[in-house]
């Protein structure tokens, strides 16, 4: 690692975690009913809920993943921010008030309000579980990435640690403590991101033309498990070495070497006229030894501030039809996915009425939009700060903060960790609600009183937390923001068609809803599992082999599977309308 833990970081981290757990134990004594555990009794103030929306939504992907993608590739990462924010338009104008009116605890409540169908509840409950677990993966990846430099523990220890803390939060007070954890961390995240952005602008831009800064770097993983960094054993001791931190400009306009403080628009205009050094990664395996080489690749600032530099969007600067379809598919999933995420939808049940649901959505949009503007400056600041870790793009924002001092690094890392805690807590509450309220109570018809529902909900939280820990360890090497794109695709394909058609088409039948959920869910999952990105980034195939092995023309499924969900619902509803009318 190019970064080492410090006592200050450990102390700040411990304070944040202790405060979070203390809040959970405080509310635990007040949470006795199922309504209180799963939906905070519907008594959360709309402003608190709005900021909690931001705290829930601004996950590890938003903070760590997007900043990392911008730092490594430029504007491409900001495209995720645009998609994430645009999705709230659907949430505000389509689902906010109707969902509050139709539901009680879970997403399945809203879909089943007219039909009382066990089939709808079963399919919606399964969808909630699958989407929640899928969305948990990038949060756990972000947690493990943070714990390594913050506390000096191995990656897997960080994943286990966040899993245990979140299970404690959820198992003590459920949605009440989860809401206030999200409210506090949402506010802190925006506040300190703003402070960090002001510091970036005040520092301005600086050129580094030294030979060392512009020389390639290599990491060799030998067959016996040892690693060589730039030709020497990796480590911190005598005779050992590590990869150098990177990130700099090679030219500024007018031949300047530094700019001094800049305003936000001046910063972007200056960067556009500069030359930025990005890093090209290549992998090779010879005789069982894997070699990764990073080569400096100077690009004009204008090129960095337009899409097409990242592997995900590389085809946008060419005439590749499939690459452009892949991009459109991702943007469609991000736009449609927000209003389909179970842990976002259930937050509408925590306020008193439909007006409060609408107001909390407006507050959430404002808070989230402000944060995403800040991510652009934080990502570009990391790109030029000389503190990027080539092996871990998820650490770009915390290491940027470290370039300004140990205290800011400790605070930003601790806030990022509570960001993970808040989002994971919301996901686990959604998953446990689906297990207890949808699958056990509604589908299997278990007779449970409030006390038993809460007890089984806590047990479900422990099980889901354990699954999240295992998947977080498995997906260690993937960018958190990229993983969330997949989660949005699955959510939009499985959930959005049924929700939209139920609200706007009177011909929707219970069979149509159940079929659309199942078809959308499994078609999107199947598409992802046989895509080129999965073959390369999950199964470990080389780029050439992955391209040949892929069974679908592009990796993002939304462009195909979201319309397929709508089509399935319409066709099945038309086929079963007479049956529904006769009942």
Protein backbone atom coordinates (compact mmCIF):
# COMPACT_ATOMS: atom_id res chain seq x y z
CA UNK A 1 0.00 0.00 0.00
CA UNK A 2 1.15 3.54 -0.69
CA UNK A 3 -0.69 4.69 2.41
CA UNK A 4 -0.15 3.77 6.06
CA UNK A 5 -2.58 3.89 9.00
CA UNK A 6 -2.14 6.51 11.73
CA UNK A 7 -3.30 6.78 15.33
CA UNK A 8 -5.33 9.89 14.49
CA UNK A 9 -7.27 7.96 11.84
CA UNK A 10 -7.97 5.14 14.27
CA UNK A 11 -9.24 7.55 16.94
CA UNK A 12 -11.55 9.47 14.55
CA UNK A 13 -12.85 6.20 13.13
CA UNK A 14 -13.55 4.84 16.62
CA UNK A 15 -15.44 8.02 17.58
CA UNK A 16 -17.67 7.83 14.49
CA UNK A 17 -18.44 4.13 14.98
CA UNK A 18 -19.11 4.58 18.71
CA UNK A 19 -21.48 7.49 18.01
CA UNK A 20 -23.32 5.44 15.38
CA UNK A 21 -23.75 2.42 17.66
CA UNK A 22 -24.72 4.66 20.58
CA UNK A 23 -27.49 6.15 18.45
CA UNK A 24 -28.73 2.67 17.57
CA UNK A 25 -28.82 1.49 21.18
CA UNK A 26 -30.63 4.71 22.20
CA UNK A 27 -33.45 4.11 19.71
CA UNK A 28 -33.54 0.36 20.42
CA UNK A 29 -35.43 0.94 23.68
CA UNK A 30 -38.14 2.82 21.75
CA UNK A 31 -38.62 0.28 18.94
CA UNK A 32 -40.97 -2.49 19.94
CA UNK A 33 -43.54 -2.85 17.15
CA UNK A 34 -43.13 -4.20 13.63
CA UNK A 35 -44.23 -0.82 12.24
CA UNK A 36 -41.50 0.87 14.28
CA UNK A 37 -38.83 -1.65 13.30
CA UNK A 38 -39.51 -1.82 9.55
CA UNK A 39 -40.89 1.69 8.83
CA UNK A 40 -40.04 3.88 11.87
CA UNK A 41 -43.75 4.05 12.67
CA UNK A 42 -44.28 6.55 9.83
CA UNK A 43 -43.22 9.37 12.16
CA UNK A 44 -40.03 10.71 10.55
CA UNK A 45 -40.10 14.44 9.70
CA UNK A 46 -40.03 15.13 5.97
CA UNK A 47 -36.81 17.18 6.14
CA UNK A 48 -35.00 14.49 8.14
CA UNK A 49 -36.30 11.90 5.71
CA UNK A 50 -35.14 13.98 2.72
CA UNK A 51 -31.57 14.25 3.99
CA UNK A 52 -31.78 10.56 4.98
CA UNK A 53 -32.75 9.86 1.34
CA UNK A 54 -29.43 11.42 0.39
CA UNK A 55 -27.64 9.50 3.13
CA UNK A 56 -29.20 6.27 1.92
CA UNK A 57 -28.61 6.97 -1.77
CA UNK A 58 -25.10 8.45 -1.58
CA UNK A 59 -23.46 5.13 -1.08
CA UNK A 60 -19.90 3.86 -1.42
CA UNK A 61 -20.48 3.93 -5.17
CA UNK A 62 -21.34 7.63 -5.15
CA UNK A 63 -18.49 8.76 -2.94
CA UNK A 64 -15.70 6.26 -3.52
CA UNK A 65 -16.60 4.74 -6.87
CA UNK A 66 -17.54 7.87 -8.82
CA UNK A 67 -14.66 9.95 -7.45
CA UNK A 68 -12.33 7.08 -8.36
CA UNK A 69 -13.68 6.80 -11.91
CA UNK A 70 -13.34 10.55 -12.48
CA UNK A 71 -9.80 10.49 -11.02
CA UNK A 72 -8.72 7.65 -13.34
CA UNK A 73 -10.67 8.49 -16.52
CA UNK A 74 -12.13 11.99 -16.29
CA UNK A 75 -15.66 12.91 -17.31
CA UNK A 76 -16.79 9.28 -17.74
CA UNK A 77 -17.27 8.89 -14.00
CA UNK A 78 -19.47 11.99 -13.86
CA UNK A 79 -21.87 10.34 -16.33
CA UNK A 80 -22.84 7.99 -13.50
CA UNK A 81 -23.64 11.03 -11.33
CA UNK A 82 -25.88 12.46 -14.06
CA UNK A 83 -27.73 9.17 -14.39
CA UNK A 84 -28.11 8.72 -10.65
CA UNK A 85 -29.52 12.23 -10.19
CA UNK A 86 -31.83 12.07 -13.22
CA UNK A 87 -33.45 8.98 -11.74
CA UNK A 88 -34.94 11.11 -8.97
CA UNK A 89 -37.18 12.80 -11.53
CA UNK A 90 -38.99 9.47 -11.89
CA UNK A 91 -39.08 9.05 -8.12
CA UNK A 92 -40.57 12.54 -7.60
CA UNK A 93 -43.16 12.66 -10.35
CA UNK A 94 -44.12 8.98 -10.65
CA UNK A 95 -43.80 6.99 -7.45
CA UNK A 96 -43.44 9.23 -4.36
CA UNK A 97 -47.07 9.96 -3.47
CA UNK A 98 -48.72 6.82 -4.92
CA UNK A 99 -46.26 4.57 -3.11
CA UNK A 100 -47.01 6.23 0.23
CA UNK A 101 -50.73 5.86 -0.43
CA UNK A 102 -50.56 2.21 -1.46
CA UNK A 103 -48.03 0.66 0.92
CA UNK A 104 -47.29 -0.07 4.54
CA UNK A 105 -43.93 -1.82 5.00
CA UNK A 106 -42.45 -3.06 1.72
CA UNK A 107 -42.38 -2.59 -2.05
CA UNK A 108 -44.64 -5.64 -2.41
CA UNK A 109 -47.37 -3.83 -0.44
CA UNK A 110 -47.76 -1.23 -3.16
CA UNK A 111 -47.85 -3.74 -6.01
CA UNK A 112 -50.34 -5.94 -4.17
CA UNK A 113 -52.66 -3.24 -2.84
CA UNK A 114 -55.36 -4.02 -5.41
CA UNK A 115 -54.96 -7.76 -5.80
CA UNK A 116 -53.98 -9.43 -2.49
CA UNK A 117 -52.10 -12.01 -4.56
CA UNK A 118 -49.57 -14.35 -3.02
CA UNK A 119 -47.88 -14.62 -6.43
CA UNK A 120 -47.19 -10.88 -6.54
CA UNK A 121 -45.92 -10.87 -2.97
CA UNK A 122 -43.64 -13.84 -3.65
CA UNK A 123 -42.14 -12.41 -6.84
CA UNK A 124 -41.75 -8.90 -5.36
CA UNK A 125 -40.21 -10.32 -2.17
CA UNK A 126 -37.68 -12.35 -4.17
CA UNK A 127 -36.87 -9.28 -6.30
CA UNK A 128 -36.30 -7.17 -3.17
CA UNK A 129 -33.92 -9.76 -1.76
CA UNK A 130 -31.95 -10.18 -5.00
CA UNK A 131 -31.65 -6.43 -5.69
CA UNK A 132 -30.72 -5.68 -2.08
CA UNK A 133 -27.98 -8.32 -2.04
CA UNK A 134 -26.71 -7.17 -5.46
CA UNK A 135 -26.55 -3.57 -4.23
CA UNK A 136 -24.82 -4.67 -1.03
CA UNK A 137 -21.78 -5.91 -2.97
CA UNK A 138 -20.31 -2.47 -3.91
CA UNK A 139 -20.95 -1.17 -0.39
CA UNK A 140 -18.91 -3.99 1.13
CA UNK A 141 -16.17 -3.49 -1.49
CA UNK A 142 -16.00 0.17 -0.47
CA UNK A 143 -15.83 -0.77 3.21
CA UNK A 144 -12.94 -3.14 2.73
CA UNK A 145 -11.07 -0.58 0.61
CA UNK A 146 -11.40 2.02 3.37
CA UNK A 147 -10.34 -0.15 6.28
CA UNK A 148 -7.00 -1.08 4.68
CA UNK A 149 -5.42 2.41 4.83
CA UNK A 150 -7.48 3.62 7.79
CA UNK A 151 -6.71 0.88 10.30
CA UNK A 152 -4.05 -1.19 8.57
CA UNK A 153 -6.20 -4.34 8.52
CA UNK A 154 -6.44 -6.68 5.53
CA UNK A 155 -9.30 -6.07 3.10
CA UNK A 156 -11.39 -9.00 4.32
CA UNK A 157 -11.21 -7.78 7.92
CA UNK A 158 -12.73 -4.46 6.80
CA UNK A 159 -15.60 -6.24 5.06
CA UNK A 160 -16.30 -8.40 8.12
CA UNK A 161 -16.07 -5.37 10.42
CA UNK A 162 -18.63 -3.33 8.52
CA UNK A 163 -20.91 -6.37 8.29
CA UNK A 164 -20.84 -6.90 12.04
CA UNK A 165 -21.41 -3.20 12.86
CA UNK A 166 -24.32 -2.91 10.42
CA UNK A 167 -25.99 -6.04 11.75
CA UNK A 168 -25.73 -4.52 15.23
CA UNK A 169 -27.37 -1.30 13.98
CA UNK A 170 -30.22 -3.09 12.24
CA UNK A 171 -30.74 -5.75 14.89
CA UNK A 172 -31.05 -3.16 17.65
CA UNK A 173 -33.43 -0.48 16.38
CA UNK A 174 -34.20 -1.17 12.70
CA UNK A 175 -35.43 1.71 10.54
CA UNK A 176 -35.41 4.36 13.28
CA UNK A 177 -31.69 4.21 13.97
CA UNK A 178 -30.99 3.58 10.28
CA UNK A 179 -32.83 6.81 9.36
CA UNK A 180 -30.91 8.98 11.80
CA UNK A 181 -27.57 7.40 10.87
CA UNK A 182 -28.36 8.22 7.25
CA UNK A 183 -29.48 11.76 8.14
CA UNK A 184 -26.27 12.53 10.03
CA UNK A 185 -23.90 11.00 7.53
CA UNK A 186 -25.75 12.57 4.57
CA UNK A 187 -25.29 16.01 6.09
CA UNK A 188 -21.66 15.39 7.04
CA UNK A 189 -20.84 13.96 3.62
CA UNK A 190 -22.07 17.05 1.79
CA UNK A 191 -20.46 19.43 4.33
CA UNK A 192 -16.98 17.92 4.24
CA UNK A 193 -17.10 17.29 0.49
CA UNK A 194 -17.77 21.01 0.15
CA UNK A 195 -14.80 21.80 2.42
CA UNK A 196 -12.56 19.47 0.40
CA UNK A 197 -13.71 21.08 -2.86
CA UNK A 198 -12.90 24.56 -1.55
CA UNK A 199 -9.42 23.35 -0.61
CA UNK A 200 -8.94 21.91 -4.11
CA UNK A 201 -9.90 25.23 -5.71
CA UNK A 202 -7.69 27.16 -3.32
CA UNK A 203 -4.69 24.93 -4.17
CA UNK A 204 -5.25 25.33 -7.90
CA UNK A 205 -3.34 23.32 -10.52
CA UNK A 206 0.37 22.53 -10.76
CA UNK A 207 2.66 20.91 -13.35
CA UNK A 208 4.97 17.99 -12.57
CA UNK A 209 7.40 17.18 -15.40
CA UNK A 210 9.87 15.13 -13.36
CA UNK A 211 11.19 11.92 -14.92
CA UNK A 212 10.04 9.84 -11.93
CA UNK A 213 6.46 11.10 -12.15
CA UNK A 214 6.26 10.16 -15.84
CA UNK A 215 7.92 6.73 -15.81
CA UNK A 216 5.96 3.46 -16.16
CA UNK A 217 5.30 1.26 -13.11
CA UNK A 218 5.04 -2.51 -12.79
CA UNK A 219 3.62 -4.94 -10.27
CA UNK A 220 4.65 -8.60 -10.65
CA UNK A 221 2.75 -11.34 -8.77
CA UNK A 222 5.02 -14.39 -8.71
CA UNK A 223 3.75 -17.96 -8.61
CA UNK A 224 4.95 -18.38 -5.00
CA UNK A 225 2.71 -15.50 -3.83
CA UNK A 226 5.41 -12.81 -3.50
CA UNK A 227 5.06 -9.46 -5.25
CA UNK A 228 7.57 -7.17 -6.91
CA UNK A 229 6.81 -3.45 -7.15
CA UNK A 230 8.94 -1.70 -9.77
CA UNK A 231 11.46 -4.56 -9.65
CA UNK A 232 11.86 -4.74 -5.85
CA UNK A 233 10.03 -6.79 -3.20
CA UNK A 234 6.82 -5.01 -2.27
CA UNK A 235 6.79 -3.59 1.25
CA UNK A 236 7.99 -0.82 3.53
CA UNK A 237 11.25 -2.28 4.86
CA UNK A 238 14.84 -1.84 3.76
CA UNK A 239 15.38 -2.98 0.19
CA UNK A 240 11.64 -3.05 -0.42
CA UNK A 241 9.51 -0.72 -2.53
CA UNK A 242 5.94 0.06 -3.44
CA UNK A 243 4.16 1.63 -6.37
CA UNK A 244 4.47 5.39 -6.41
CA UNK A 245 1.37 7.55 -6.03
CA UNK A 246 0.46 9.28 -9.30
CA UNK A 247 -1.76 12.02 -10.68
CA UNK A 248 -0.48 15.23 -12.24
CA UNK A 249 -0.56 17.72 -15.09
CA UNK A 250 2.22 17.81 -17.68
CA UNK A 251 1.27 21.20 -19.17
CA UNK A 252 -0.67 24.31 -18.21
CA UNK A 253 -1.84 26.99 -20.68
CA UNK A 254 0.58 29.82 -21.32
CA UNK A 255 3.59 27.78 -20.17
CA UNK A 256 2.76 28.27 -16.49
CA UNK A 257 3.94 25.80 -13.84
CA UNK A 258 1.13 26.55 -11.35
CA UNK A 259 -2.03 28.64 -11.23
CA UNK A 260 -2.69 29.56 -7.61
CA UNK A 261 -6.30 29.69 -6.32
CA UNK A 262 -9.06 29.28 -8.93
CA UNK A 263 -12.83 29.69 -9.01
CA UNK A 264 -14.93 26.62 -9.96
CA UNK A 265 -15.53 27.67 -13.59
CA UNK A 266 -11.98 28.96 -13.94
CA UNK A 267 -10.69 25.61 -12.63
CA UNK A 268 -12.58 23.67 -15.31
CA UNK A 269 -11.60 26.12 -18.07
CA UNK A 270 -7.90 25.93 -17.10
CA UNK A 271 -7.99 22.13 -16.92
CA UNK A 272 -9.59 21.99 -20.36
CA UNK A 273 -6.61 23.87 -21.85
CA UNK A 274 -4.02 21.78 -19.98
CA UNK A 275 -2.43 18.39 -20.58
CA UNK A 276 -3.32 15.66 -18.06
CA UNK A 277 -1.49 12.37 -17.52
CA UNK A 278 -3.81 9.36 -17.37
CA UNK A 279 -2.47 5.83 -16.85
CA UNK A 280 -3.00 2.90 -19.20
CA UNK A 281 -3.14 -0.52 -17.56
CA UNK A 282 -1.98 -3.74 -19.29
CA UNK A 283 -1.84 -7.27 -17.86
CA UNK A 284 0.18 -10.27 -18.98
CA UNK A 285 0.72 -13.78 -17.56
CA UNK A 286 3.99 -15.58 -18.32
CA UNK A 287 5.02 -18.88 -16.65
CA UNK A 288 2.45 -18.43 -13.92
CA UNK A 289 3.63 -14.90 -13.08
CA UNK A 290 1.15 -12.08 -13.59
CA UNK A 291 2.61 -8.72 -14.57
CA UNK A 292 0.61 -5.48 -14.50
CA UNK A 293 2.13 -2.45 -16.19
CA UNK A 294 0.84 1.11 -15.88
CA UNK A 295 2.07 3.48 -18.58
CA UNK A 296 1.61 7.29 -18.47
CA UNK A 297 -0.67 8.47 -21.24
CA UNK A 298 -0.79 12.29 -21.63
CA UNK A 299 -4.13 13.59 -22.88
CA UNK A 300 -5.48 17.06 -23.51
CA UNK A 301 -7.75 18.42 -20.81
CA UNK A 302 -10.49 18.80 -23.41
CA UNK A 303 -10.28 15.06 -24.07
CA UNK A 304 -10.44 14.23 -20.35
CA UNK A 305 -13.54 16.40 -19.94
CA UNK A 306 -15.49 14.47 -22.56
CA UNK A 307 -16.65 10.84 -22.43
CA UNK A 308 -14.77 7.89 -23.87
CA UNK A 309 -11.60 7.39 -21.82
CA UNK A 310 -12.75 4.57 -19.51
CA UNK A 311 -13.08 0.90 -20.55
CA UNK A 312 -16.85 1.15 -19.98
CA UNK A 313 -17.31 4.03 -22.44
CA UNK A 314 -14.28 3.56 -24.70
CA UNK A 315 -16.44 3.12 -27.79
CA UNK A 316 -18.01 6.57 -27.50
CA UNK A 317 -15.02 8.14 -29.25
CA UNK A 318 -15.26 5.62 -32.07
CA UNK A 319 -18.02 4.48 -34.42
CA UNK A 320 -18.73 1.29 -32.47
CA UNK A 321 -22.51 0.74 -32.43
CA UNK A 322 -22.35 -1.84 -29.63
CA UNK A 323 -20.34 0.48 -27.38
CA UNK A 324 -22.87 3.24 -27.89
CA UNK A 325 -25.73 0.88 -27.18
CA UNK A 326 -23.92 -0.22 -24.02
CA UNK A 327 -23.71 3.41 -22.91
CA UNK A 328 -27.38 4.10 -23.66
CA UNK A 329 -28.31 0.91 -21.82
CA UNK A 330 -26.40 1.99 -18.71
CA UNK A 331 -27.90 5.49 -18.73
CA UNK A 332 -31.40 4.02 -19.10
CA UNK A 333 -30.79 1.74 -16.12
CA UNK A 334 -29.49 4.59 -13.96
CA UNK A 335 -32.45 6.78 -14.91
CA UNK A 336 -35.02 4.07 -14.21
CA UNK A 337 -33.25 2.33 -11.35
CA UNK A 338 -33.62 4.94 -8.59
CA UNK A 339 -37.40 4.57 -8.41
CA UNK A 340 -36.96 0.78 -8.35
CA UNK A 341 -34.53 0.30 -5.46
CA UNK A 342 -36.26 -1.39 -2.48
CA UNK A 343 -34.29 0.45 0.20
CA UNK A 344 -35.21 3.80 -1.40
CA UNK A 345 -38.88 2.88 -1.89
CA UNK A 346 -39.45 1.78 1.71
CA UNK A 347 -38.27 5.18 2.94
CA UNK A 348 -41.58 6.62 1.71
CA UNK A 349 -43.29 4.60 4.44
CA UNK A 350 -41.36 6.38 7.19
CA UNK A 351 -43.20 9.73 6.78
CA UNK A 352 -46.76 10.64 7.79
CA UNK A 353 -48.52 11.37 4.50
CA UNK A 354 -48.21 11.83 0.75
CA UNK A 355 -47.31 15.52 0.99
CA UNK A 356 -44.43 14.67 3.31
CA UNK A 357 -43.30 11.99 0.82
CA UNK A 358 -43.16 14.61 -1.95
CA UNK A 359 -41.37 17.20 0.19
CA UNK A 360 -38.78 14.70 1.40
CA UNK A 361 -38.08 13.76 -2.24
CA UNK A 362 -37.46 17.43 -3.12
CA UNK A 363 -35.04 17.80 -0.19
CA UNK A 364 -33.30 14.59 -1.23
CA UNK A 365 -32.89 15.80 -4.83
CA UNK A 366 -31.36 19.10 -3.69
CA UNK A 367 -28.91 17.42 -1.31
CA UNK A 368 -27.91 14.72 -3.79
CA UNK A 369 -27.52 17.19 -6.67
CA UNK A 370 -25.24 19.40 -4.59
CA UNK A 371 -23.08 16.41 -3.69
CA UNK A 372 -22.73 15.18 -7.27
CA UNK A 373 -21.45 18.59 -8.42
CA UNK A 374 -18.82 18.32 -5.69
CA UNK A 375 -17.78 14.82 -6.87
CA UNK A 376 -16.67 16.29 -10.20
CA UNK A 377 -14.21 18.63 -8.49
CA UNK A 378 -13.08 15.96 -6.00
CA UNK A 379 -12.43 13.47 -8.80
CA UNK A 380 -10.53 15.99 -10.93
CA UNK A 381 -8.67 17.16 -7.82
CA UNK A 382 -7.58 13.59 -7.15
CA UNK A 383 -6.55 13.20 -10.79
CA UNK A 384 -4.06 16.06 -10.43
CA UNK A 385 -3.09 15.72 -6.73
CA UNK A 386 -0.23 13.21 -7.02
CA UNK A 387 -1.85 10.85 -4.52
CA UNK A 388 -3.68 8.25 -6.63
CA UNK A 389 -3.13 4.58 -5.78
CA UNK A 390 -2.97 2.77 -9.15
CA UNK A 391 -4.11 -0.51 -7.57
CA UNK A 392 -7.29 0.87 -5.96
CA UNK A 393 -9.42 3.55 -7.63
CA UNK A 394 -11.94 3.37 -4.76
CA UNK A 395 -9.42 5.15 -2.50
CA UNK A 396 -9.05 8.28 -4.66
CA UNK A 397 -11.22 10.60 -2.52
CA UNK A 398 -9.71 9.64 0.87
CA UNK A 399 -6.15 9.87 -0.50
CA UNK A 400 -6.97 13.26 -2.01
CA UNK A 401 -7.99 14.37 1.48
CA UNK A 402 -4.74 12.95 2.84
CA UNK A 403 -2.79 15.25 0.52
CA UNK A 404 -4.22 18.13 2.61
CA UNK A 405 -3.38 16.58 5.97
CA UNK A 406 -3.89 13.58 8.21
CA UNK A 407 -6.91 15.03 10.06
CA UNK A 408 -8.94 15.64 6.91
CA UNK A 409 -8.05 12.16 5.67
CA UNK A 410 -9.25 10.66 8.95
CA UNK A 411 -12.53 12.60 8.88
CA UNK A 412 -13.28 11.93 5.19
CA UNK A 413 -12.48 8.22 5.61
CA UNK A 414 -14.65 7.95 8.72
CA UNK A 415 -17.53 9.74 6.95
CA UNK A 416 -17.11 7.43 3.96
CA UNK A 417 -17.28 4.49 6.34
CA UNK A 418 -20.51 5.78 7.90
CA UNK A 419 -21.75 6.27 4.32
CA UNK A 420 -21.30 2.55 3.84
CA UNK A 421 -22.94 1.83 7.21
CA UNK A 422 -26.02 3.93 6.39
CA UNK A 423 -26.60 2.43 2.95
CA UNK A 424 -25.97 -1.15 4.05
CA UNK A 425 -28.31 -0.64 7.01
CA UNK A 426 -31.10 0.50 4.70
CA UNK A 427 -30.55 -2.43 2.35
CA UNK A 428 -30.61 -4.97 5.16
CA UNK A 429 -33.79 -3.45 6.63
CA UNK A 430 -35.41 -3.76 3.18
CA UNK A 431 -34.25 -7.35 2.83
CA UNK A 432 -35.36 -8.40 6.32
CA UNK A 433 -38.75 -6.72 5.73
CA UNK A 434 -39.16 -8.73 2.53
CA UNK A 435 -38.36 -11.95 4.36
CA UNK A 436 -40.71 -11.36 7.31
CA UNK A 437 -43.57 -9.32 5.85
CA UNK A 438 -43.65 -10.65 2.28
CA UNK A 439 -42.34 -14.20 2.24
CA UNK A 440 -43.15 -15.56 5.71
CA UNK A 441 -46.26 -13.61 6.70
CA UNK A 442 -48.00 -13.05 3.35
CA UNK A 443 -46.84 -16.01 1.21
CA UNK A 444 -46.33 -18.81 3.75
CA UNK A 445 -49.07 -17.39 6.05
CA UNK A 446 -47.08 -17.70 9.24
CA UNK A 447 -49.04 -16.37 12.19
CA UNK A 448 -46.73 -13.91 13.97
CA UNK A 449 -47.34 -11.19 16.50
CA UNK A 450 -45.35 -7.94 16.45
CA UNK A 451 -42.69 -9.28 18.81
CA UNK A 452 -42.10 -12.35 16.64
CA UNK A 453 -41.95 -10.29 13.43
CA UNK A 454 -39.25 -8.07 14.92
CA UNK A 455 -37.31 -11.07 16.25
CA UNK A 456 -37.36 -12.90 12.91
CA UNK A 457 -36.52 -9.64 11.12
CA UNK A 458 -33.38 -9.34 13.22
CA UNK A 459 -32.44 -12.95 12.43
CA UNK A 460 -32.95 -12.25 8.71
CA UNK A 461 -30.69 -9.20 9.05
CA UNK A 462 -27.91 -11.40 10.44
CA UNK A 463 -28.23 -13.89 7.56
CA UNK A 464 -28.30 -11.18 4.84
CA UNK A 465 -25.33 -9.48 6.51
CA UNK A 466 -23.35 -12.74 6.37
CA UNK A 467 -24.14 -13.13 2.65
CA UNK A 468 -23.06 -9.53 2.01
CA UNK A 469 -19.74 -10.17 3.76
CA UNK A 470 -19.00 -13.19 1.57
CA UNK A 471 -19.86 -11.37 -1.67
CA UNK A 472 -17.89 -8.28 -0.61
CA UNK A 473 -14.76 -10.40 -0.25
CA UNK A 474 -15.38 -12.16 -3.59
CA UNK A 475 -15.73 -8.90 -5.60
CA UNK A 476 -12.74 -7.11 -4.01
CA UNK A 477 -11.07 -5.87 -7.21
CA UNK A 478 -14.08 -4.20 -8.87
CA UNK A 479 -14.95 -0.49 -8.87
CA UNK A 480 -17.89 0.24 -6.56
CA UNK A 481 -19.55 2.61 -9.03
CA UNK A 482 -19.38 0.03 -11.83
CA UNK A 483 -21.01 -2.63 -9.62
CA UNK A 484 -23.86 -0.29 -8.73
CA UNK A 485 -24.61 0.15 -12.43
CA UNK A 486 -25.43 -3.57 -12.53
CA UNK A 487 -27.62 -3.31 -9.43
CA UNK A 488 -29.59 -0.47 -11.03
CA UNK A 489 -30.09 -2.55 -14.18
CA UNK A 490 -31.52 -5.47 -12.22
CA UNK A 491 -33.76 -3.19 -10.11
CA UNK A 492 -35.11 -1.27 -13.10
CA UNK A 493 -35.74 -4.44 -15.12
CA UNK A 494 -37.50 -6.29 -12.30
CA UNK A 495 -39.44 -3.58 -10.45
CA UNK A 496 -40.12 -0.49 -12.57
CA UNK A 497 -42.42 -1.99 -15.26
CA UNK A 498 -44.85 -3.37 -12.68
CA UNK A 499 -44.90 -0.22 -10.58
CA UNK A 500 -45.42 2.15 -13.52
CA UNK A 501 -48.08 0.02 -15.24
CA UNK A 502 -49.99 -0.54 -11.99
CA UNK A 503 -50.23 3.24 -11.53
CA UNK A 504 -51.08 4.18 -15.13
CA UNK A 505 -52.80 1.22 -16.84
CA UNK A 506 -56.09 -0.13 -15.55
CA UNK A 507 -55.66 -3.28 -17.61
CA UNK A 508 -52.79 -4.53 -15.42
CA UNK A 509 -53.48 -7.94 -13.87
CA UNK A 510 -51.86 -9.79 -11.00
CA UNK A 511 -50.47 -12.40 -13.42
CA UNK A 512 -48.95 -9.62 -15.52
CA UNK A 513 -47.21 -8.09 -12.51
CA UNK A 514 -45.79 -11.39 -11.28
CA UNK A 515 -44.58 -12.38 -14.76
CA UNK A 516 -42.96 -8.99 -15.42
CA UNK A 517 -41.02 -9.12 -12.16
CA UNK A 518 -39.71 -12.64 -12.72
CA UNK A 519 -38.85 -12.09 -16.40
CA UNK A 520 -37.16 -8.74 -15.72
CA UNK A 521 -35.22 -10.10 -12.77
CA UNK A 522 -33.85 -13.25 -14.35
CA UNK A 523 -33.29 -11.83 -17.84
CA UNK A 524 -31.15 -8.99 -16.43
CA UNK A 525 -29.23 -11.32 -14.12
CA UNK A 526 -28.69 -13.81 -16.94
CA UNK A 527 -27.51 -11.08 -19.33
CA UNK A 528 -24.98 -9.81 -16.78
CA UNK A 529 -23.63 -13.30 -16.03
CA UNK A 530 -22.79 -14.00 -19.70
CA UNK A 531 -21.51 -10.51 -20.58
CA UNK A 532 -17.96 -9.55 -21.55
CA UNK A 533 -17.41 -7.44 -18.43
CA UNK A 534 -18.36 -10.35 -16.17
CA UNK A 535 -16.10 -12.80 -18.01
CA UNK A 536 -13.19 -10.39 -17.60
CA UNK A 537 -13.77 -8.75 -14.20
CA UNK A 538 -15.49 -11.54 -12.28
CA UNK A 539 -14.42 -14.80 -13.92
CA UNK A 540 -10.86 -13.54 -14.47
CA UNK A 541 -10.58 -14.12 -18.24
CA UNK A 542 -8.19 -12.04 -20.32
CA UNK A 543 -9.72 -9.21 -22.34
CA UNK A 544 -9.45 -11.13 -25.64
CA UNK A 545 -10.87 -14.35 -24.19
CA UNK A 546 -13.70 -12.46 -22.47
CA UNK A 547 -14.65 -10.76 -25.74
CA UNK A 548 -14.80 -14.13 -27.51
CA UNK A 549 -16.66 -15.86 -24.65
CA UNK A 550 -19.38 -13.22 -24.18
CA UNK A 551 -22.83 -14.44 -25.22
CA UNK A 552 -24.43 -10.99 -25.50
CA UNK A 553 -23.41 -8.08 -27.75
CA UNK A 554 -22.92 -5.54 -24.92
CA UNK A 555 -22.57 -5.77 -21.15
CA UNK A 556 -25.30 -3.49 -19.75
CA UNK A 557 -28.70 -5.24 -19.99
CA UNK A 558 -31.17 -2.39 -19.36
CA UNK A 559 -31.82 -1.44 -22.99
CA UNK A 560 -33.17 -4.95 -23.63
CA UNK A 561 -34.46 -6.17 -20.27
CA UNK A 562 -36.41 -3.06 -19.13
CA UNK A 563 -38.59 -2.99 -22.31
CA UNK A 564 -38.87 -6.79 -22.00
CA UNK A 565 -40.41 -6.33 -18.52
CA UNK A 566 -42.99 -3.86 -19.88
CA UNK A 567 -43.76 -6.11 -22.86
CA UNK A 568 -44.18 -9.16 -20.62
CA UNK A 569 -46.61 -7.33 -18.34
CA UNK A 570 -48.71 -6.04 -21.24
CA UNK A 571 -48.89 -9.40 -23.05
CA UNK A 572 -49.65 -11.45 -19.94
CA UNK A 573 -52.21 -8.90 -18.69
CA UNK A 574 -54.03 -8.98 -22.04
CA UNK A 575 -54.03 -12.78 -21.97
CA UNK A 576 -55.39 -12.94 -18.41
CA UNK A 577 -57.75 -9.94 -18.41
CA UNK A 578 -60.90 -12.03 -18.90
CA UNK A 579 -59.90 -14.32 -16.07
CA UNK A 580 -59.29 -11.30 -13.83
CA UNK A 581 -62.66 -9.72 -14.74
CA UNK A 582 -64.55 -12.93 -13.98
CA UNK A 583 -63.07 -13.21 -10.48
